[in-house]
């Protein structure tokens, strides 16, 4: 099934998403990779304000390349998500709605997704230049010293993703493997 997810993002918007569904996102999302997640977690632990509201936010795990003239961003393909697994449960427990990356997640992340009615979605690896075409604007809002790993505020239109882990804990990677194994047993 295909869904359109538009701001304001809420748990109500994603509760009916199922693992394997396609989603086109329009609205504000944020970028953060492992170095930025470490700093965000330190801010939380120190009781300091984050550079964006975590409640109902979507964080895209990406380290984009520099923008070419006239473009808001360079290639912007997903990075491997497990590198954020140490930080994701805390972020989800504090209200983050969704994560976008690629690859499998730990049992702890999956539990946090279910506990919080969140979702984990994957962007297409290897299609970084194509994905960048859905990014209308990009602004560094924190940790500029991290370069490509700085936190950015992106505005996206029809940004294509696939639901990997839905709010009920169904995991596309596991479901796909099971379906394949069943087809081979016939």
N, C-alpha and C. Protein backbone atom coordinates (compact mmCIF):
# COMPACT_ATOMS: atom_id res chain seq x y z
N UNK A 1 0.84 -1.17 0.00
CA UNK A 1 0.00 0.00 0.00
C UNK A 1 0.89 1.24 0.00
N UNK A 2 0.42 2.31 -0.61
CA UNK A 2 1.17 3.57 -0.63
C UNK A 2 0.45 4.60 0.23
N UNK A 3 1.23 5.35 0.99
CA UNK A 3 0.70 6.39 1.88
C UNK A 3 1.39 7.71 1.56
N UNK A 4 0.70 8.77 1.88
CA UNK A 4 1.30 10.11 1.86
C UNK A 4 1.32 10.61 3.30
N UNK A 5 2.50 10.99 3.76
CA UNK A 5 2.67 11.48 5.13
C UNK A 5 3.05 12.95 5.03
N UNK A 6 2.18 13.79 5.58
CA UNK A 6 2.39 15.24 5.52
C UNK A 6 2.36 15.83 6.92
N UNK A 7 3.10 16.93 7.09
CA UNK A 7 3.08 17.63 8.38
C UNK A 7 1.67 18.13 8.68
N UNK A 8 1.30 18.20 9.95
CA UNK A 8 2.08 17.80 11.12
C UNK A 8 2.14 16.27 11.25
N UNK A 9 3.32 15.76 11.59
CA UNK A 9 3.50 14.34 11.76
C UNK A 9 3.03 13.95 13.17
N UNK A 10 2.29 12.88 13.27
CA UNK A 10 1.81 12.39 14.57
C UNK A 10 1.77 10.86 14.56
N UNK A 11 1.66 10.29 15.75
CA UNK A 11 1.53 8.83 15.86
C UNK A 11 0.27 8.35 15.17
N UNK A 12 -0.76 9.17 15.19
CA UNK A 12 -2.01 8.81 14.51
C UNK A 12 -1.76 8.64 13.01
N UNK A 13 -0.88 9.47 12.45
CA UNK A 13 -0.57 9.39 11.01
C UNK A 13 0.09 8.09 10.60
N UNK A 14 0.87 7.48 11.52
CA UNK A 14 1.66 6.31 11.14
C UNK A 14 1.13 5.00 11.70
N UNK A 15 0.10 5.04 12.51
CA UNK A 15 -0.36 3.81 13.19
C UNK A 15 -0.86 2.75 12.22
N UNK A 16 -1.35 3.13 11.06
CA UNK A 16 -1.86 2.16 10.10
C UNK A 16 -0.81 1.73 9.06
N UNK A 17 0.39 2.29 9.13
CA UNK A 17 1.45 1.87 8.22
C UNK A 17 1.83 0.43 8.55
N UNK A 18 2.07 -0.36 7.53
CA UNK A 18 2.48 -1.75 7.71
C UNK A 18 3.84 -1.97 7.06
N UNK A 19 4.62 -2.88 7.63
CA UNK A 19 5.92 -3.22 7.06
C UNK A 19 5.74 -3.57 5.59
N UNK A 20 6.51 -2.92 4.74
CA UNK A 20 6.43 -3.12 3.30
C UNK A 20 5.69 -2.02 2.57
N UNK A 21 4.94 -1.20 3.30
CA UNK A 21 4.21 -0.09 2.67
C UNK A 21 5.19 0.97 2.15
N UNK A 22 4.81 1.60 1.05
CA UNK A 22 5.57 2.73 0.51
C UNK A 22 4.98 4.02 1.08
N UNK A 23 5.84 4.98 1.37
CA UNK A 23 5.40 6.26 1.93
C UNK A 23 6.11 7.39 1.19
N UNK A 24 5.36 8.43 0.88
CA UNK A 24 5.92 9.66 0.33
C UNK A 24 5.76 10.73 1.41
N UNK A 25 6.88 11.26 1.89
CA UNK A 25 6.87 12.23 2.99
C UNK A 25 6.99 13.64 2.44
N UNK A 26 6.14 14.53 2.95
CA UNK A 26 6.24 15.95 2.64
C UNK A 26 6.23 16.72 3.95
N UNK A 27 7.28 17.50 4.17
CA UNK A 27 7.37 18.29 5.39
C UNK A 27 8.80 18.40 5.87
N UNK A 28 8.95 18.78 7.13
CA UNK A 28 10.26 19.01 7.73
C UNK A 28 10.76 17.74 8.39
N UNK A 29 11.97 17.33 8.01
CA UNK A 29 12.66 16.23 8.67
C UNK A 29 14.05 16.72 9.04
N UNK A 30 14.71 15.98 9.90
CA UNK A 30 16.04 16.38 10.38
C UNK A 30 17.05 15.29 10.04
N UNK A 31 18.30 15.69 9.88
CA UNK A 31 19.36 14.73 9.62
C UNK A 31 20.22 14.58 10.87
N UNK A 32 20.68 13.38 11.11
CA UNK A 32 21.64 13.13 12.19
C UNK A 32 22.21 11.74 12.01
N UNK A 33 23.52 11.66 12.11
CA UNK A 33 24.19 10.35 12.09
C UNK A 33 24.78 10.10 13.47
N UNK A 34 25.69 9.15 13.59
CA UNK A 34 26.15 8.72 14.90
C UNK A 34 26.84 9.83 15.71
N UNK A 35 27.70 10.63 15.11
CA UNK A 35 28.37 11.70 15.87
C UNK A 35 27.35 12.70 16.40
N UNK A 36 26.37 13.05 15.58
CA UNK A 36 25.33 13.99 16.02
C UNK A 36 24.44 13.35 17.08
N UNK A 37 24.12 12.08 16.93
CA UNK A 37 23.30 11.39 17.95
C UNK A 37 24.02 11.38 19.30
N UNK A 38 25.32 11.18 19.27
CA UNK A 38 26.09 11.20 20.52
C UNK A 38 25.95 12.56 21.19
N UNK A 39 26.09 13.62 20.43
CA UNK A 39 25.97 14.97 21.00
C UNK A 39 24.54 15.26 21.46
N UNK A 40 23.55 14.83 20.67
CA UNK A 40 22.15 15.04 21.08
C UNK A 40 21.87 14.34 22.41
N UNK A 41 22.39 13.13 22.54
CA UNK A 41 22.19 12.38 23.78
C UNK A 41 22.87 13.07 24.95
N UNK A 42 24.06 13.62 24.72
CA UNK A 42 24.76 14.36 25.77
C UNK A 42 23.95 15.58 26.20
N UNK A 43 23.35 16.29 25.23
CA UNK A 43 22.50 17.44 25.57
C UNK A 43 21.33 16.99 26.45
N UNK A 44 20.71 15.88 26.08
CA UNK A 44 19.57 15.35 26.85
C UNK A 44 20.02 15.01 28.27
N UNK A 45 21.12 14.29 28.38
CA UNK A 45 21.63 13.88 29.70
C UNK A 45 22.00 15.07 30.58
N UNK A 46 22.42 16.17 29.95
CA UNK A 46 22.80 17.37 30.70
C UNK A 46 21.63 18.32 30.91
N UNK A 47 20.43 17.92 30.49
CA UNK A 47 19.25 18.76 30.67
C UNK A 47 19.23 20.00 29.80
N UNK A 48 19.98 19.97 28.70
CA UNK A 48 20.04 21.12 27.79
C UNK A 48 19.04 20.96 26.66
N UNK A 49 18.72 22.08 26.02
CA UNK A 49 17.76 22.07 24.91
C UNK A 49 18.39 21.46 23.66
N UNK A 50 17.56 20.74 22.93
CA UNK A 50 17.98 20.20 21.64
C UNK A 50 17.79 21.26 20.56
N UNK A 51 18.49 21.12 19.44
CA UNK A 51 18.37 22.12 18.37
C UNK A 51 17.04 22.04 17.60
N UNK A 52 16.22 21.04 17.89
CA UNK A 52 14.89 20.90 17.28
C UNK A 52 14.01 20.14 18.26
N UNK A 53 12.71 20.29 18.10
CA UNK A 53 11.77 19.58 18.97
C UNK A 53 11.76 18.10 18.61
N UNK A 54 12.04 17.25 19.55
CA UNK A 54 12.10 15.81 19.31
C UNK A 54 10.70 15.21 19.13
N UNK A 55 9.72 15.78 19.80
CA UNK A 55 8.34 15.27 19.74
C UNK A 55 7.83 15.22 18.30
N UNK A 56 7.42 14.03 17.88
CA UNK A 56 6.87 13.78 16.54
C UNK A 56 7.83 14.11 15.40
N UNK A 57 9.13 14.08 15.69
CA UNK A 57 10.12 14.37 14.65
C UNK A 57 10.47 13.13 13.84
N UNK A 58 10.99 13.38 12.66
CA UNK A 58 11.52 12.33 11.80
C UNK A 58 13.00 12.64 11.59
N UNK A 59 13.85 11.66 11.89
CA UNK A 59 15.29 11.85 11.71
C UNK A 59 15.77 10.92 10.60
N UNK A 60 16.44 11.51 9.64
CA UNK A 60 17.01 10.79 8.50
C UNK A 60 18.49 10.60 8.76
N UNK A 61 18.94 9.37 8.75
CA UNK A 61 20.34 9.04 8.95
C UNK A 61 21.08 9.22 7.63
N UNK A 62 21.69 10.39 7.45
CA UNK A 62 22.34 10.73 6.20
C UNK A 62 23.48 11.71 6.45
N UNK A 63 24.51 11.60 5.64
CA UNK A 63 25.61 12.55 5.62
C UNK A 63 25.75 13.03 4.19
N UNK A 64 24.99 14.02 3.79
CA UNK A 64 24.96 14.42 2.38
C UNK A 64 26.28 15.01 1.88
N UNK A 65 26.45 14.92 0.58
CA UNK A 65 27.61 15.55 -0.04
C UNK A 65 27.30 17.04 -0.21
N UNK A 66 28.34 17.86 -0.47
CA UNK A 66 28.10 19.29 -0.68
C UNK A 66 27.15 19.53 -1.86
N UNK A 67 26.38 20.58 -1.74
CA UNK A 67 25.43 20.95 -2.79
C UNK A 67 26.15 21.52 -4.01
N UNK A 68 25.65 21.18 -5.17
CA UNK A 68 26.14 21.79 -6.40
C UNK A 68 25.45 23.16 -6.53
N UNK A 69 26.02 24.08 -7.30
CA UNK A 69 25.41 25.41 -7.45
C UNK A 69 23.93 25.32 -7.83
N UNK A 70 23.12 26.07 -7.11
CA UNK A 70 21.69 26.12 -7.39
C UNK A 70 20.88 25.00 -6.77
N UNK A 71 21.53 24.08 -6.08
CA UNK A 71 20.84 22.95 -5.44
C UNK A 71 20.89 23.10 -3.93
N UNK A 72 19.86 22.61 -3.21
CA UNK A 72 19.85 22.75 -1.76
C UNK A 72 20.77 21.76 -1.05
N UNK A 73 21.14 20.66 -1.74
CA UNK A 73 21.91 19.60 -1.10
C UNK A 73 22.55 18.76 -2.18
N UNK A 74 23.59 18.05 -1.83
CA UNK A 74 24.21 17.10 -2.76
C UNK A 74 23.52 15.75 -2.65
N UNK A 75 24.21 14.70 -3.04
CA UNK A 75 23.66 13.36 -2.91
C UNK A 75 23.33 13.10 -1.44
N UNK A 76 22.21 12.43 -1.21
CA UNK A 76 21.72 12.29 0.16
C UNK A 76 21.14 10.90 0.41
N UNK A 77 21.98 9.90 0.26
CA UNK A 77 21.55 8.53 0.48
C UNK A 77 21.64 8.13 1.94
N UNK A 78 20.87 7.14 2.35
CA UNK A 78 20.83 6.73 3.75
C UNK A 78 22.12 6.06 4.20
N UNK A 79 22.42 6.22 5.48
CA UNK A 79 23.55 5.51 6.06
C UNK A 79 23.02 4.32 6.86
N UNK A 80 23.89 3.41 7.20
CA UNK A 80 23.52 2.20 7.91
C UNK A 80 23.00 2.55 9.31
N UNK A 81 21.80 2.10 9.60
CA UNK A 81 21.08 2.53 10.79
C UNK A 81 21.59 1.95 12.10
N UNK A 82 22.16 0.75 12.07
CA UNK A 82 22.54 0.13 13.34
C UNK A 82 23.52 0.97 14.14
N UNK A 83 24.24 1.89 13.47
CA UNK A 83 25.18 2.75 14.19
C UNK A 83 24.46 3.69 15.15
N UNK A 84 23.15 3.89 14.97
CA UNK A 84 22.37 4.74 15.87
C UNK A 84 21.60 3.93 16.90
N UNK A 85 21.75 2.61 16.89
CA UNK A 85 20.96 1.75 17.78
C UNK A 85 21.19 2.05 19.26
N UNK A 86 22.38 2.49 19.63
CA UNK A 86 22.65 2.80 21.03
C UNK A 86 21.87 4.03 21.51
N UNK A 87 21.49 4.90 20.57
CA UNK A 87 20.82 6.15 20.91
C UNK A 87 19.32 6.15 20.63
N UNK A 88 18.89 5.35 19.67
CA UNK A 88 17.51 5.41 19.19
C UNK A 88 16.45 5.14 20.26
N UNK A 89 16.60 4.14 21.14
CA UNK A 89 15.54 3.92 22.13
C UNK A 89 15.26 5.15 23.00
N UNK A 90 16.31 5.83 23.45
CA UNK A 90 16.12 7.03 24.26
C UNK A 90 15.39 8.12 23.47
N UNK A 91 15.80 8.29 22.22
CA UNK A 91 15.18 9.33 21.38
C UNK A 91 13.70 9.00 21.15
N UNK A 92 13.40 7.74 20.89
CA UNK A 92 12.01 7.33 20.68
C UNK A 92 11.20 7.51 21.96
N UNK A 93 11.79 7.16 23.10
CA UNK A 93 11.08 7.32 24.38
C UNK A 93 10.79 8.78 24.69
N UNK A 94 11.57 9.68 24.12
CA UNK A 94 11.35 11.12 24.33
C UNK A 94 10.46 11.75 23.25
N UNK A 95 9.90 10.91 22.37
CA UNK A 95 8.90 11.43 21.45
C UNK A 95 9.21 11.38 19.97
N UNK A 96 10.43 11.00 19.59
CA UNK A 96 10.73 10.90 18.16
C UNK A 96 9.73 9.95 17.51
N UNK A 97 9.21 10.33 16.36
CA UNK A 97 8.18 9.55 15.68
C UNK A 97 8.74 8.51 14.72
N UNK A 98 9.77 8.88 13.97
CA UNK A 98 10.25 7.97 12.93
C UNK A 98 11.73 8.17 12.66
N UNK A 99 12.33 7.11 12.13
CA UNK A 99 13.72 7.10 11.72
C UNK A 99 13.74 6.64 10.27
N UNK A 100 14.68 7.20 9.51
CA UNK A 100 14.88 6.78 8.13
C UNK A 100 16.35 6.43 7.96
N UNK A 101 16.62 5.26 7.43
CA UNK A 101 17.99 4.84 7.20
C UNK A 101 18.00 3.66 6.27
N UNK A 102 18.90 2.71 6.55
CA UNK A 102 18.91 1.45 5.79
C UNK A 102 19.47 0.37 6.71
N UNK A 103 19.01 -0.83 6.50
CA UNK A 103 19.52 -1.97 7.24
C UNK A 103 18.69 -2.31 8.47
N UNK A 104 19.05 -3.45 9.05
CA UNK A 104 18.31 -3.98 10.19
C UNK A 104 18.58 -3.18 11.45
N UNK A 105 17.68 -3.34 12.42
CA UNK A 105 17.79 -2.68 13.73
C UNK A 105 17.83 -3.74 14.83
N UNK A 106 18.32 -3.34 15.98
CA UNK A 106 18.44 -4.24 17.12
C UNK A 106 17.07 -4.51 17.74
N UNK A 107 17.03 -5.54 18.57
CA UNK A 107 15.79 -5.87 19.30
C UNK A 107 15.38 -4.70 20.20
N UNK A 108 16.36 -3.99 20.77
CA UNK A 108 16.05 -2.85 21.65
C UNK A 108 15.37 -1.73 20.87
N UNK A 109 15.83 -1.48 19.67
CA UNK A 109 15.20 -0.44 18.85
C UNK A 109 13.79 -0.88 18.46
N UNK A 110 13.65 -2.12 18.06
CA UNK A 110 12.33 -2.62 17.67
C UNK A 110 11.36 -2.52 18.86
N UNK A 111 11.81 -2.88 20.05
CA UNK A 111 10.96 -2.76 21.25
C UNK A 111 10.56 -1.30 21.48
N UNK A 112 11.49 -0.38 21.30
CA UNK A 112 11.20 1.05 21.50
C UNK A 112 10.22 1.56 20.45
N UNK A 113 10.33 1.07 19.21
CA UNK A 113 9.38 1.44 18.16
C UNK A 113 7.97 1.05 18.58
N UNK A 114 7.81 -0.19 19.03
CA UNK A 114 6.49 -0.68 19.44
C UNK A 114 5.99 0.08 20.66
N UNK A 115 6.85 0.22 21.67
CA UNK A 115 6.48 0.88 22.93
C UNK A 115 5.99 2.31 22.69
N UNK A 116 6.52 2.95 21.65
CA UNK A 116 6.20 4.35 21.40
C UNK A 116 5.30 4.60 20.20
N UNK A 117 4.82 3.55 19.55
CA UNK A 117 3.96 3.73 18.38
C UNK A 117 4.66 4.45 17.25
N UNK A 118 5.96 4.19 17.11
CA UNK A 118 6.78 4.85 16.10
C UNK A 118 6.95 3.94 14.89
N UNK A 119 7.78 4.35 13.93
CA UNK A 119 8.10 3.53 12.77
C UNK A 119 9.56 3.74 12.37
N UNK A 120 10.09 2.71 11.73
CA UNK A 120 11.41 2.79 11.11
C UNK A 120 11.20 2.58 9.63
N UNK A 121 11.74 3.50 8.83
CA UNK A 121 11.56 3.44 7.39
C UNK A 121 12.93 3.44 6.71
N UNK A 122 12.98 2.87 5.52
CA UNK A 122 14.24 2.82 4.77
C UNK A 122 14.12 3.65 3.51
N UNK A 123 15.19 4.38 3.23
CA UNK A 123 15.32 5.06 1.94
C UNK A 123 16.15 4.13 1.06
N UNK A 124 16.08 4.34 -0.22
CA UNK A 124 16.74 3.45 -1.17
C UNK A 124 18.24 3.72 -1.18
N UNK A 125 19.01 2.72 -0.77
CA UNK A 125 20.45 2.83 -0.85
C UNK A 125 20.88 2.80 -2.31
N UNK A 126 21.92 3.56 -2.67
CA UNK A 126 22.40 3.57 -4.04
C UNK A 126 21.66 4.54 -4.95
N UNK A 127 20.69 5.25 -4.40
CA UNK A 127 19.93 6.21 -5.21
C UNK A 127 20.02 7.60 -4.61
N UNK A 128 21.20 7.93 -4.07
CA UNK A 128 21.39 9.18 -3.34
C UNK A 128 21.07 10.43 -4.14
N UNK A 129 21.47 10.46 -5.40
CA UNK A 129 21.20 11.63 -6.24
C UNK A 129 19.71 11.76 -6.53
N UNK A 130 19.06 10.63 -6.75
CA UNK A 130 17.61 10.63 -6.99
C UNK A 130 16.85 11.12 -5.76
N UNK A 131 17.24 10.61 -4.60
CA UNK A 131 16.59 11.01 -3.35
C UNK A 131 16.75 12.51 -3.12
N UNK A 132 17.92 13.04 -3.41
CA UNK A 132 18.18 14.47 -3.21
C UNK A 132 17.20 15.33 -3.98
N UNK A 133 16.65 14.81 -5.07
CA UNK A 133 15.67 15.57 -5.85
C UNK A 133 14.38 15.84 -5.09
N UNK A 134 14.12 15.09 -4.00
CA UNK A 134 12.93 15.33 -3.17
C UNK A 134 13.20 16.34 -2.06
N UNK A 135 14.44 16.78 -1.93
CA UNK A 135 14.81 17.72 -0.87
C UNK A 135 14.76 19.13 -1.43
N UNK A 136 13.82 19.92 -0.93
CA UNK A 136 13.57 21.27 -1.43
C UNK A 136 14.50 22.29 -0.78
N UNK A 137 14.77 22.10 0.53
CA UNK A 137 15.67 23.02 1.23
C UNK A 137 16.45 22.28 2.30
N UNK A 138 17.62 22.83 2.63
CA UNK A 138 18.51 22.25 3.62
C UNK A 138 19.21 23.36 4.37
N UNK A 139 19.18 23.26 5.69
CA UNK A 139 19.80 24.28 6.53
C UNK A 139 20.49 23.59 7.71
N UNK A 140 21.78 23.85 7.91
CA UNK A 140 22.48 23.32 9.07
C UNK A 140 21.96 24.06 10.29
N UNK A 141 21.51 23.29 11.31
CA UNK A 141 20.97 23.94 12.52
C UNK A 141 21.78 23.61 13.77
N UNK A 142 22.72 22.65 13.69
CA UNK A 142 23.54 22.33 14.87
C UNK A 142 24.77 21.54 14.46
N UNK A 143 25.82 21.70 15.24
CA UNK A 143 27.05 20.91 15.12
C UNK A 143 27.70 21.07 13.74
N UNK A 144 27.79 22.30 13.28
CA UNK A 144 28.39 22.60 11.98
C UNK A 144 29.80 22.02 11.86
N UNK A 145 30.50 21.91 12.99
CA UNK A 145 31.85 21.38 12.97
C UNK A 145 31.92 19.92 12.55
N UNK A 146 30.78 19.23 12.53
CA UNK A 146 30.75 17.83 12.11
C UNK A 146 30.69 17.66 10.60
N UNK A 147 30.64 18.76 9.87
CA UNK A 147 30.62 18.68 8.40
C UNK A 147 29.39 17.95 7.90
N UNK A 148 29.61 16.88 7.15
CA UNK A 148 28.49 16.12 6.58
C UNK A 148 27.57 15.54 7.65
N UNK A 149 28.10 15.37 8.88
CA UNK A 149 27.29 14.80 9.95
C UNK A 149 26.58 15.86 10.80
N UNK A 150 26.66 17.12 10.42
CA UNK A 150 25.93 18.18 11.15
C UNK A 150 24.43 17.89 11.10
N UNK A 151 23.71 18.43 12.06
CA UNK A 151 22.26 18.29 12.05
C UNK A 151 21.70 19.32 11.08
N UNK A 152 20.89 18.84 10.15
CA UNK A 152 20.25 19.71 9.17
C UNK A 152 18.74 19.63 9.31
N UNK A 153 18.12 20.73 8.99
CA UNK A 153 16.66 20.79 8.87
C UNK A 153 16.38 20.76 7.37
N UNK A 154 15.67 19.71 6.95
CA UNK A 154 15.33 19.57 5.53
C UNK A 154 13.84 19.77 5.34
N UNK A 155 13.48 20.37 4.23
CA UNK A 155 12.08 20.34 3.81
C UNK A 155 12.04 19.43 2.59
N UNK A 156 11.20 18.39 2.66
CA UNK A 156 11.13 17.41 1.58
C UNK A 156 9.73 17.37 0.98
N UNK A 157 9.66 17.04 -0.29
CA UNK A 157 8.37 16.84 -0.98
C UNK A 157 8.39 15.48 -1.65
N UNK A 158 7.41 14.67 -1.28
CA UNK A 158 7.28 13.32 -1.83
C UNK A 158 8.59 12.53 -1.72
N UNK A 159 9.18 12.58 -0.55
CA UNK A 159 10.42 11.86 -0.24
C UNK A 159 10.08 10.37 -0.10
N UNK A 160 10.64 9.50 -0.97
CA UNK A 160 10.21 8.10 -1.00
C UNK A 160 10.92 7.21 0.02
N UNK A 161 10.12 6.51 0.83
CA UNK A 161 10.65 5.55 1.80
C UNK A 161 9.75 4.32 1.84
N UNK A 162 10.26 3.28 2.47
CA UNK A 162 9.50 2.05 2.68
C UNK A 162 9.47 1.75 4.17
N UNK A 163 8.32 1.39 4.69
CA UNK A 163 8.21 1.04 6.11
C UNK A 163 8.91 -0.30 6.32
N UNK A 164 9.88 -0.31 7.22
CA UNK A 164 10.60 -1.55 7.53
C UNK A 164 10.07 -2.15 8.83
N UNK A 165 9.98 -1.33 9.88
CA UNK A 165 9.39 -1.79 11.14
C UNK A 165 8.19 -0.91 11.43
N UNK A 166 7.01 -1.52 11.49
CA UNK A 166 5.81 -0.75 11.77
C UNK A 166 5.57 -0.66 13.27
N UNK A 167 4.56 0.10 13.67
CA UNK A 167 4.31 0.37 15.08
C UNK A 167 3.91 -0.87 15.88
N UNK A 168 3.61 -1.96 15.17
CA UNK A 168 3.28 -3.22 15.84
C UNK A 168 4.48 -4.16 15.92
N UNK A 169 5.62 -3.73 15.37
CA UNK A 169 6.84 -4.52 15.44
C UNK A 169 7.06 -5.47 14.28
N UNK A 170 6.18 -5.42 13.28
CA UNK A 170 6.40 -6.24 12.09
C UNK A 170 7.63 -5.71 11.36
N UNK A 171 8.52 -6.60 10.97
CA UNK A 171 9.80 -6.23 10.39
C UNK A 171 9.88 -6.76 8.96
N UNK A 172 9.97 -5.86 8.00
CA UNK A 172 10.00 -6.23 6.59
C UNK A 172 11.14 -7.20 6.29
N UNK A 173 12.30 -7.01 6.91
CA UNK A 173 13.43 -7.88 6.63
C UNK A 173 13.12 -9.31 7.08
N UNK A 174 12.47 -9.47 8.22
CA UNK A 174 12.10 -10.80 8.69
C UNK A 174 10.97 -11.38 7.85
N UNK A 175 9.96 -10.56 7.55
CA UNK A 175 8.83 -11.03 6.74
C UNK A 175 9.28 -11.45 5.35
N UNK A 176 10.18 -10.68 4.76
CA UNK A 176 10.69 -11.00 3.44
C UNK A 176 11.47 -12.30 3.43
N UNK A 177 12.28 -12.49 4.46
CA UNK A 177 13.07 -13.72 4.57
C UNK A 177 12.14 -14.93 4.72
N UNK A 178 11.12 -14.80 5.58
CA UNK A 178 10.15 -15.89 5.77
C UNK A 178 9.43 -16.22 4.47
N UNK A 179 9.00 -15.20 3.75
CA UNK A 179 8.30 -15.41 2.50
C UNK A 179 9.20 -16.12 1.49
N UNK A 180 10.45 -15.70 1.42
CA UNK A 180 11.40 -16.33 0.51
C UNK A 180 11.61 -17.80 0.88
N UNK A 181 11.84 -18.07 2.17
CA UNK A 181 12.07 -19.44 2.60
C UNK A 181 10.87 -20.34 2.31
N UNK A 182 9.68 -19.81 2.51
CA UNK A 182 8.46 -20.57 2.20
C UNK A 182 8.39 -20.87 0.72
N UNK A 183 8.75 -19.91 -0.12
CA UNK A 183 8.68 -20.13 -1.56
C UNK A 183 9.70 -21.18 -2.02
N UNK A 184 10.81 -21.28 -1.32
CA UNK A 184 11.85 -22.25 -1.68
C UNK A 184 11.50 -23.66 -1.20
N UNK A 185 10.64 -23.75 -0.18
CA UNK A 185 10.26 -25.05 0.37
C UNK A 185 9.23 -25.76 -0.51
N UNK A 186 8.61 -25.06 -1.43
CA UNK A 186 7.57 -25.65 -2.28
C UNK A 186 8.14 -26.49 -3.39
